[in-house]
């Protein structure tokens, strides 16, 4: 699945075909001892993540 990660510094990271378990990810985000998370191979400081949204892979043609 493809995801878009929005960070509080205005940067957007697009992850293509990323696979992760939402339950494990949520537990990791809530663990105060962990500062960084792995999202589809991208290591990100969890405190700057605003949102992780699934995105559609289809492209519109003109």
PDB file of N, CA and C in Angstrom:
ATOM      1  N   UNK A   1       0.840  -1.173   0.000  1.00  0.00           N
ATOM      2  CA  UNK A   1       0.000   0.000   0.000  1.00  0.00           C
ATOM      3  C   UNK A   1       0.889   1.241   0.000  1.00  0.00           C
ATOM      4  N   UNK A   2       0.404   2.320  -0.556  1.00  0.00           N
ATOM      5  CA  UNK A   2       1.130   3.582  -0.599  1.00  0.00           C
ATOM      6  C   UNK A   2       0.635   4.491   0.525  1.00  0.00           C
ATOM      7  N   UNK A   3       1.587   5.216   1.130  1.00  0.00           N
ATOM      8  CA  UNK A   3       1.261   6.110   2.230  1.00  0.00           C
ATOM      9  C   UNK A   3       1.928   7.453   2.009  1.00  0.00           C
ATOM     10  N   UNK A   4       1.330   8.479   2.598  1.00  0.00           N
ATOM     11  CA  UNK A   4       1.919   9.808   2.611  1.00  0.00           C
ATOM     12  C   UNK A   4       2.107  10.199   4.068  1.00  0.00           C
ATOM     13  N   UNK A   5       3.350  10.508   4.433  1.00  0.00           N
ATOM     14  CA  UNK A   5       3.679  10.902   5.803  1.00  0.00           C
ATOM     15  C   UNK A   5       3.906  12.406   5.798  1.00  0.00           C
ATOM     16  N   UNK A   6       3.110  13.129   6.586  1.00  0.00           N
ATOM     17  CA  UNK A   6       3.253  14.574   6.682  1.00  0.00           C
ATOM     18  C   UNK A   6       3.973  14.901   7.975  1.00  0.00           C
ATOM     19  N   UNK A   7       5.013  15.739   7.852  1.00  0.00           N
ATOM     20  CA  UNK A   7       5.821  16.112   9.006  1.00  0.00           C
ATOM     21  C   UNK A   7       5.550  17.559   9.393  1.00  0.00           C
ATOM     22  N   UNK A   8       5.873  17.907  10.647  1.00  0.00           N
ATOM     23  CA  UNK A   8       5.559  19.253  11.127  1.00  0.00           C
ATOM     24  C   UNK A   8       6.486  20.329  10.555  1.00  0.00           C
ATOM     25  N   UNK A   9       7.498  19.950   9.783  1.00  0.00           N
ATOM     26  CA  UNK A   9       8.368  20.935   9.146  1.00  0.00           C
ATOM     27  C   UNK A   9       7.939  21.223   7.703  1.00  0.00           C
ATOM     28  N   UNK A  10       6.774  20.706   7.310  1.00  0.00           N
ATOM     29  CA  UNK A  10       6.240  20.929   5.976  1.00  0.00           C
ATOM     30  C   UNK A  10       6.646  19.874   4.963  1.00  0.00           C
ATOM     31  N   UNK A  11       7.565  18.992   5.320  1.00  0.00           N
ATOM     32  CA  UNK A  11       8.016  17.948   4.402  1.00  0.00           C
ATOM     33  C   UNK A  11       6.972  16.849   4.310  1.00  0.00           C
ATOM     34  N   UNK A  12       6.838  16.286   3.116  1.00  0.00           N
ATOM     35  CA  UNK A  12       5.943  15.163   2.870  1.00  0.00           C
ATOM     36  C   UNK A  12       6.784  14.020   2.318  1.00  0.00           C
ATOM     37  N   UNK A  13       6.648  12.842   2.909  1.00  0.00           N
ATOM     38  CA  UNK A  13       7.368  11.659   2.460  1.00  0.00           C
ATOM     39  C   UNK A  13       6.347  10.702   1.869  1.00  0.00           C
ATOM     40  N   UNK A  14       6.551  10.313   0.610  1.00  0.00           N
ATOM     41  CA  UNK A  14       5.663   9.370  -0.059  1.00  0.00           C
ATOM     42  C   UNK A  14       6.302   7.988  -0.006  1.00  0.00           C
ATOM     43  N   UNK A  15       5.585   7.028   0.532  1.00  0.00           N
ATOM     44  CA  UNK A  15       6.066   5.655   0.634  1.00  0.00           C
ATOM     45  C   UNK A  15       5.277   4.788  -0.333  1.00  0.00           C
ATOM     46  N   UNK A  16       5.972   4.137  -1.242  1.00  0.00           N
ATOM     47  CA  UNK A  16       5.321   3.269  -2.214  1.00  0.00           C
ATOM     48  C   UNK A  16       5.466   1.819  -1.788  1.00  0.00           C
ATOM     49  N   UNK A  17       4.369   1.087  -1.834  1.00  0.00           N
ATOM     50  CA  UNK A  17       4.341  -0.337  -1.492  1.00  0.00           C
ATOM     51  C   UNK A  17       4.890  -0.629  -0.102  1.00  0.00           C
ATOM     52  N   UNK A  18       4.636   0.262   0.840  1.00  0.00           N
ATOM     53  CA  UNK A  18       5.109   0.082   2.217  1.00  0.00           C
ATOM     54  C   UNK A  18       4.167  -0.867   2.951  1.00  0.00           C
ATOM     55  N   UNK A  19       4.755  -1.728   3.731  1.00  0.00           N
ATOM     56  CA  UNK A  19       3.979  -2.678   4.528  1.00  0.00           C
ATOM     57  C   UNK A  19       4.336  -2.497   5.995  1.00  0.00           C
ATOM     58  N   UNK A  20       3.351  -2.200   6.819  1.00  0.00           N
ATOM     59  CA  UNK A  20       3.580  -2.164   8.253  1.00  0.00           C
ATOM     60  C   UNK A  20       2.291  -2.451   8.986  1.00  0.00           C
ATOM     61  N   UNK A  21       2.437  -2.957  10.192  1.00  0.00           N
ATOM     62  CA  UNK A  21       1.299  -3.327  11.031  1.00  0.00           C
ATOM     63  C   UNK A  21       0.857  -2.096  11.817  1.00  0.00           C
ATOM     64  N   UNK A  22      -0.370  -1.635  11.601  1.00  0.00           N
ATOM     65  CA  UNK A  22      -0.871  -0.429  12.249  1.00  0.00           C
ATOM     66  C   UNK A  22      -0.897  -0.565  13.770  1.00  0.00           C
ATOM     67  N   UNK A  23      -1.205  -1.749  14.287  1.00  0.00           N
ATOM     68  CA  UNK A  23      -1.232  -1.957  15.731  1.00  0.00           C
ATOM     69  C   UNK A  23       0.145  -1.814  16.352  1.00  0.00           C
ATOM     70  N   UNK A  24       1.128  -2.433  15.737  1.00  0.00           N
ATOM     71  CA  UNK A  24       2.513  -2.335  16.226  1.00  0.00           C
ATOM     72  C   UNK A  24       3.006  -0.896  16.091  1.00  0.00           C
ATOM     73  N   UNK A  25       2.670  -0.250  14.970  1.00  0.00           N
ATOM     74  CA  UNK A  25       3.079   1.140  14.749  1.00  0.00           C
ATOM     75  C   UNK A  25       2.500   2.055  15.829  1.00  0.00           C
ATOM     76  N   UNK A  26       1.232   1.875  16.159  1.00  0.00           N
ATOM     77  CA  UNK A  26       0.584   2.686  17.192  1.00  0.00           C
ATOM     78  C   UNK A  26       1.241   2.461  18.549  1.00  0.00           C
ATOM     79  N   UNK A  27       1.516   1.219  18.878  1.00  0.00           N
ATOM     80  CA  UNK A  27       2.184   0.907  20.141  1.00  0.00           C
ATOM     81  C   UNK A  27       3.558   1.562  20.193  1.00  0.00           C
ATOM     82  N   UNK A  28       4.275   1.525  19.088  1.00  0.00           N
ATOM     83  CA  UNK A  28       5.598   2.148  19.017  1.00  0.00           C
ATOM     84  C   UNK A  28       5.503   3.655  19.207  1.00  0.00           C
ATOM     85  N   UNK A  29       4.530   4.289  18.560  1.00  0.00           N
ATOM     86  CA  UNK A  29       4.362   5.735  18.717  1.00  0.00           C
ATOM     87  C   UNK A  29       4.042   6.126  20.158  1.00  0.00           C
ATOM     88  N   UNK A  30       3.319   5.276  20.861  1.00  0.00           N
ATOM     89  CA  UNK A  30       2.926   5.588  22.238  1.00  0.00           C
ATOM     90  C   UNK A  30       3.979   5.220  23.278  1.00  0.00           C
ATOM     91  N   UNK A  31       5.039   4.531  22.878  1.00  0.00           N
ATOM     92  CA  UNK A  31       6.102   4.140  23.799  1.00  0.00           C
ATOM     93  C   UNK A  31       7.049   5.324  24.008  1.00  0.00           C
ATOM     94  N   UNK A  32       7.110   5.840  25.225  1.00  0.00           N
ATOM     95  CA  UNK A  32       7.920   7.025  25.521  1.00  0.00           C
ATOM     96  C   UNK A  32       9.416   6.771  25.419  1.00  0.00           C
ATOM     97  N   UNK A  33       9.840   5.523  25.440  1.00  0.00           N
ATOM     98  CA  UNK A  33      11.265   5.203  25.354  1.00  0.00           C
ATOM     99  C   UNK A  33      11.776   5.196  23.917  1.00  0.00           C
ATOM    100  N   UNK A  34      10.876   5.231  22.946  1.00  0.00           N
ATOM    101  CA  UNK A  34      11.260   5.172  21.534  1.00  0.00           C
ATOM    102  C   UNK A  34      11.126   6.561  20.918  1.00  0.00           C
ATOM    103  N   UNK A  35      12.201   7.004  20.216  1.00  0.00           N
ATOM    104  CA  UNK A  35      12.191   8.322  19.575  1.00  0.00           C
ATOM    105  C   UNK A  35      12.029   8.262  18.065  1.00  0.00           C
ATOM    106  N   UNK A  36      12.431   7.141  17.451  1.00  0.00           N
ATOM    107  CA  UNK A  36      12.376   7.019  15.996  1.00  0.00           C
ATOM    108  C   UNK A  36      11.539   5.817  15.608  1.00  0.00           C
ATOM    109  N   UNK A  37      10.854   5.935  14.465  1.00  0.00           N
ATOM    110  CA  UNK A  37      10.034   4.833  13.966  1.00  0.00           C
ATOM    111  C   UNK A  37      10.463   4.508  12.534  1.00  0.00           C
ATOM    112  N   UNK A  38      10.239   3.274  12.152  1.00  0.00           N
ATOM    113  CA  UNK A  38      10.534   2.799  10.809  1.00  0.00           C
ATOM    114  C   UNK A  38       9.207   2.654  10.075  1.00  0.00           C
ATOM    115  N   UNK A  39       9.044   3.444   9.029  1.00  0.00           N
ATOM    116  CA  UNK A  39       7.827   3.362   8.216  1.00  0.00           C
ATOM    117  C   UNK A  39       8.245   2.967   6.814  1.00  0.00           C
ATOM    118  N   UNK A  40       8.052   1.720   6.485  1.00  0.00           N
ATOM    119  CA  UNK A  40       8.387   1.250   5.147  1.00  0.00           C
ATOM    120  C   UNK A  40       9.845   1.459   4.772  1.00  0.00           C
ATOM    121  N   UNK A  41      10.738   1.396   5.737  1.00  0.00           N
ATOM    122  CA  UNK A  41      12.162   1.563   5.467  1.00  0.00           C
ATOM    123  C   UNK A  41      12.677   2.971   5.716  1.00  0.00           C
ATOM    124  N   UNK A  42      11.796   3.921   5.950  1.00  0.00           N
ATOM    125  CA  UNK A  42      12.208   5.293   6.272  1.00  0.00           C
ATOM    126  C   UNK A  42      12.231   5.446   7.790  1.00  0.00           C
ATOM    127  N   UNK A  43      13.365   5.906   8.339  1.00  0.00           N
ATOM    128  CA  UNK A  43      13.494   6.115   9.779  1.00  0.00           C
ATOM    129  C   UNK A  43      13.151   7.578  10.060  1.00  0.00           C
ATOM    130  N   UNK A  44      12.132   7.793  10.912  1.00  0.00           N
ATOM    131  CA  UNK A  44      11.602   9.136  11.141  1.00  0.00           C
ATOM    132  C   UNK A  44      11.478   9.383  12.643  1.00  0.00           C
ATOM    133  N   UNK A  45      11.841  10.586  13.081  1.00  0.00           N
ATOM    134  CA  UNK A  45      11.628  10.988  14.461  1.00  0.00           C
ATOM    135  C   UNK A  45      10.115  11.052  14.680  1.00  0.00           C
ATOM    136  N   UNK A  46       9.617  10.274  15.617  1.00  0.00           N
ATOM    137  CA  UNK A  46       8.163  10.160  15.789  1.00  0.00           C
ATOM    138  C   UNK A  46       7.509  11.458  16.249  1.00  0.00           C
ATOM    139  N   UNK A  47       8.289  12.364  16.834  1.00  0.00           N
ATOM    140  CA  UNK A  47       7.719  13.605  17.357  1.00  0.00           C
ATOM    141  C   UNK A  47       7.415  14.636  16.268  1.00  0.00           C
ATOM    142  N   UNK A  48       7.901  14.414  15.056  1.00  0.00           N
ATOM    143  CA  UNK A  48       7.604  15.370  13.988  1.00  0.00           C
ATOM    144  C   UNK A  48       6.537  14.870  13.016  1.00  0.00           C
ATOM    145  N   UNK A  49       5.998  13.684  13.278  1.00  0.00           N
ATOM    146  CA  UNK A  49       4.962  13.133  12.399  1.00  0.00           C
ATOM    147  C   UNK A  49       3.619  13.784  12.723  1.00  0.00           C
ATOM    148  N   UNK A  50       2.990  14.359  11.716  1.00  0.00           N
ATOM    149  CA  UNK A  50       1.648  14.923  11.875  1.00  0.00           C
ATOM    150  C   UNK A  50       0.609  13.872  11.513  1.00  0.00           C
ATOM    151  N   UNK A  51       0.816  13.196  10.369  1.00  0.00           N
ATOM    152  CA  UNK A  51      -0.148  12.188   9.950  1.00  0.00           C
ATOM    153  C   UNK A  51       0.496  11.175   9.016  1.00  0.00           C
ATOM    154  N   UNK A  52      -0.097   9.992   8.983  1.00  0.00           N
ATOM    155  CA  UNK A  52       0.264   8.940   8.039  1.00  0.00           C
ATOM    156  C   UNK A  52      -1.037   8.553   7.354  1.00  0.00           C
ATOM    157  N   UNK A  53      -1.129   8.860   6.065  1.00  0.00           N
ATOM    158  CA  UNK A  53      -2.372   8.650   5.330  1.00  0.00           C
ATOM    159  C   UNK A  53      -2.174   7.680   4.175  1.00  0.00           C
ATOM    160  N   UNK A  54      -3.077   6.738   3.984  1.00  0.00           N
ATOM    161  CA  UNK A  54      -3.008   5.901   2.784  1.00  0.00           C
ATOM    162  C   UNK A  54      -3.391   6.749   1.574  1.00  0.00           C
ATOM    163  N   UNK A  55      -2.716   6.523   0.464  1.00  0.00           N
ATOM    164  CA  UNK A  55      -3.020   7.282  -0.752  1.00  0.00           C
ATOM    165  C   UNK A  55      -3.337   6.317  -1.895  1.00  0.00           C
ATOM    166  N   UNK A  56      -4.163   6.774  -2.790  1.00  0.00           N
ATOM    167  CA  UNK A  56      -4.571   5.980  -3.944  1.00  0.00           C
ATOM    168  C   UNK A  56      -3.445   5.975  -4.973  1.00  0.00           C
ATOM    169  N   UNK A  57      -3.204   4.835  -5.573  1.00  0.00           N
ATOM    170  CA  UNK A  57      -2.121   4.692  -6.544  1.00  0.00           C
ATOM    171  C   UNK A  57      -2.550   5.015  -7.960  1.00  0.00           C
ATOM    172  N   UNK A  58      -3.829   5.227  -8.181  1.00  0.00           N
ATOM    173  CA  UNK A  58      -4.312   5.481  -9.539  1.00  0.00           C
ATOM    174  C   UNK A  58      -3.980   6.915  -9.957  1.00  0.00           C
ATOM    175  N   UNK A  59      -3.713   7.073 -11.234  1.00  0.00           N
ATOM    176  CA  UNK A  59      -3.399   8.401 -11.790  1.00  0.00           C
ATOM    177  C   UNK A  59      -4.473   8.748 -12.800  1.00  0.00           C
ATOM    178  N   UNK A  60      -4.904   9.995 -12.773  1.00  0.00           N
ATOM    179  CA  UNK A  60      -5.909  10.435 -13.745  1.00  0.00           C
ATOM    180  C   UNK A  60      -5.204  10.836 -15.032  1.00  0.00           C
ATOM    181  N   UNK A  61      -5.828  10.538 -16.139  1.00  0.00           N
ATOM    182  CA  UNK A  61      -5.275  10.893 -17.443  1.00  0.00           C
ATOM    183  C   UNK A  61      -6.079  12.018 -18.045  1.00  0.00           C
ATOM    184  N   UNK A  62      -5.392  12.967 -18.665  1.00  0.00           N
ATOM    185  CA  UNK A  62      -6.073  14.116 -19.287  1.00  0.00           C
ATOM    186  C   UNK A  62      -6.448  13.811 -20.715  1.00  0.00           C
TER     187      UNK A  62
END
